[in-house]
C-alpha atoms as a PDB file:
ATOM      1  CA  MET A   1     -22.264  44.853  -6.183  1.00  0.00           C
ATOM      2  CA  THR A   2     -25.217  46.437  -7.973  1.00  0.00           C
ATOM      3  CA  ASP A   3     -25.461  47.025 -11.685  1.00  0.00           C
ATOM      4  CA  SER A   4     -26.476  50.608 -12.522  1.00  0.00           C
ATOM      5  CA  LYS A   5     -28.664  49.249 -15.330  1.00  0.00           C
ATOM      6  CA  ASP A   6     -30.884  47.367 -12.863  1.00  0.00           C
ATOM      7  CA  PRO A   7     -34.183  49.210 -12.432  1.00  0.00           C
ATOM      8  CA  ILE A   8     -35.085  50.948  -9.198  1.00  0.00           C
ATOM      9  CA  LEU A   9     -38.206  49.264  -7.854  1.00  0.00           C
ATOM     10  CA  PRO A  10     -40.295  49.667  -4.691  1.00  0.00           C
ATOM     11  CA  GLY A  11     -38.366  48.198  -1.766  1.00  0.00           C
ATOM     12  CA  THR A  12     -34.982  49.159  -3.218  1.00  0.00           C
ATOM     13  CA  THR A  13     -32.481  50.910  -0.957  1.00  0.00           C
ATOM     14  CA  VAL A  14     -31.266  54.079  -2.662  1.00  0.00           C
ATOM     15  CA  THR A  15     -28.909  56.967  -1.970  1.00  0.00           C
ATOM     16  CA  VAL A  16     -29.610  60.553  -3.043  1.00  0.00           C
ATOM     17  CA  ASN A  17     -26.981  61.607  -5.577  1.00  0.00           C
ATOM     18  CA  ASN A  18     -27.616  65.330  -6.172  1.00  0.00           C
ATOM     19  CA  GLN A  19     -25.063  67.904  -4.989  1.00  0.00           C
ATOM     20  CA  ASP A  20     -27.750  70.637  -4.870  1.00  0.00           C
ATOM     21  CA  SER A  21     -30.039  68.688  -2.512  1.00  0.00           C
ATOM     22  CA  ILE A  22     -29.880  68.975   1.273  1.00  0.00           C
ATOM     23  CA  TYR A  23     -30.563  65.228   1.263  1.00  0.00           C
ATOM     24  CA  ASN A  24     -27.448  64.423  -0.799  1.00  0.00           C
ATOM     25  CA  GLY A  25     -25.917  61.223   0.582  1.00  0.00           C
ATOM     26  CA  TYR A  26     -29.010  60.217   2.565  1.00  0.00           C
ATOM     27  CA  GLU A  27     -30.040  56.580   2.227  1.00  0.00           C
ATOM     28  CA  GLY A  28     -33.688  55.542   2.118  1.00  0.00           C
ATOM     29  CA  PHE A  29     -36.203  52.991   0.842  1.00  0.00           C
ATOM     30  CA  VAL A  30     -38.307  53.426  -2.294  1.00  0.00           C
ATOM     31  CA  GLN A  31     -41.986  53.182  -1.361  1.00  0.00           C
ATOM     32  CA  ARG A  32     -43.586  53.768  -4.759  1.00  0.00           C
ATOM     33  CA  ILE A  33     -42.781  55.022  -8.249  1.00  0.00           C
ATOM     34  CA  SER A  34     -44.900  57.253 -10.460  1.00  0.00           C
ATOM     35  CA  GLY A  35     -43.592  58.328 -13.839  1.00  0.00           C
ATOM     36  CA  ASP A  36     -40.035  59.604 -13.447  1.00  0.00           C
ATOM     37  CA  LYS A  37     -40.285  60.192  -9.674  1.00  0.00           C
ATOM     38  CA  ALA A  38     -40.024  57.978  -6.623  1.00  0.00           C
ATOM     39  CA  ALA A  39     -41.372  58.363  -3.092  1.00  0.00           C
ATOM     40  CA  VAL A  40     -38.436  57.603  -0.783  1.00  0.00           C
ATOM     41  CA  LEU A  41     -38.780  56.980   2.952  1.00  0.00           C
ATOM     42  CA  PHE A  42     -35.925  58.239   5.105  1.00  0.00           C
ATOM     43  CA  GLU A  43     -35.734  57.053   8.714  1.00  0.00           C
ATOM     44  CA  GLY A  44     -33.404  58.648  11.215  1.00  0.00           C
ATOM     45  CA  GLY A  45     -33.745  57.721  14.849  1.00  0.00           C
ATOM     46  CA  ASN A  46     -36.689  59.774  16.079  1.00  0.00           C
ATOM     47  CA  TRP A  47     -37.851  61.059  12.678  1.00  0.00           C
ATOM     48  CA  ASP A  48     -39.245  59.672   9.428  1.00  0.00           C
ATOM     49  CA  LYS A  49     -39.621  61.635   6.211  1.00  0.00           C
ATOM     50  CA  LEU A  50     -41.243  60.672   2.913  1.00  0.00           C
ATOM     51  CA  LEU A  51     -39.974  62.675  -0.071  1.00  0.00           C
ATOM     52  CA  THR A  52     -40.734  62.567  -3.766  1.00  0.00           C
ATOM     53  CA  LEU A  53     -37.503  62.740  -5.759  1.00  0.00           C
ATOM     54  CA  PRO A  54     -36.629  62.386  -9.456  1.00  0.00           C
ATOM     55  CA  LEU A  55     -35.294  58.934 -10.333  1.00  0.00           C
ATOM     56  CA  LYS A  56     -32.268  60.578 -11.982  1.00  0.00           C
ATOM     57  CA  ASP A  57     -31.172  61.819  -8.530  1.00  0.00           C
ATOM     58  CA  LEU A  58     -31.171  58.335  -7.001  1.00  0.00           C
ATOM     59  CA  LYS A  59     -28.677  55.491  -7.166  1.00  0.00           C
ATOM     60  CA  LYS A  60     -29.000  51.967  -5.812  1.00  0.00           C
ATOM     61  CA  SER A  61     -27.124  51.316  -2.583  1.00  0.00           C
END
């Protein structure tokens, strides 16, 4: 069980938690953090996608 107060750091597995995002519910890995945003790598079979998302839209998996 993860504590929501633990910081999100590079290497952390996160889930997108934003109802307005087409990536809502997707699980990925944090690659880097800059300010209040994180670059998250999503891998899905034959595709990979790196997105920059606000930290407030991510929760630890």
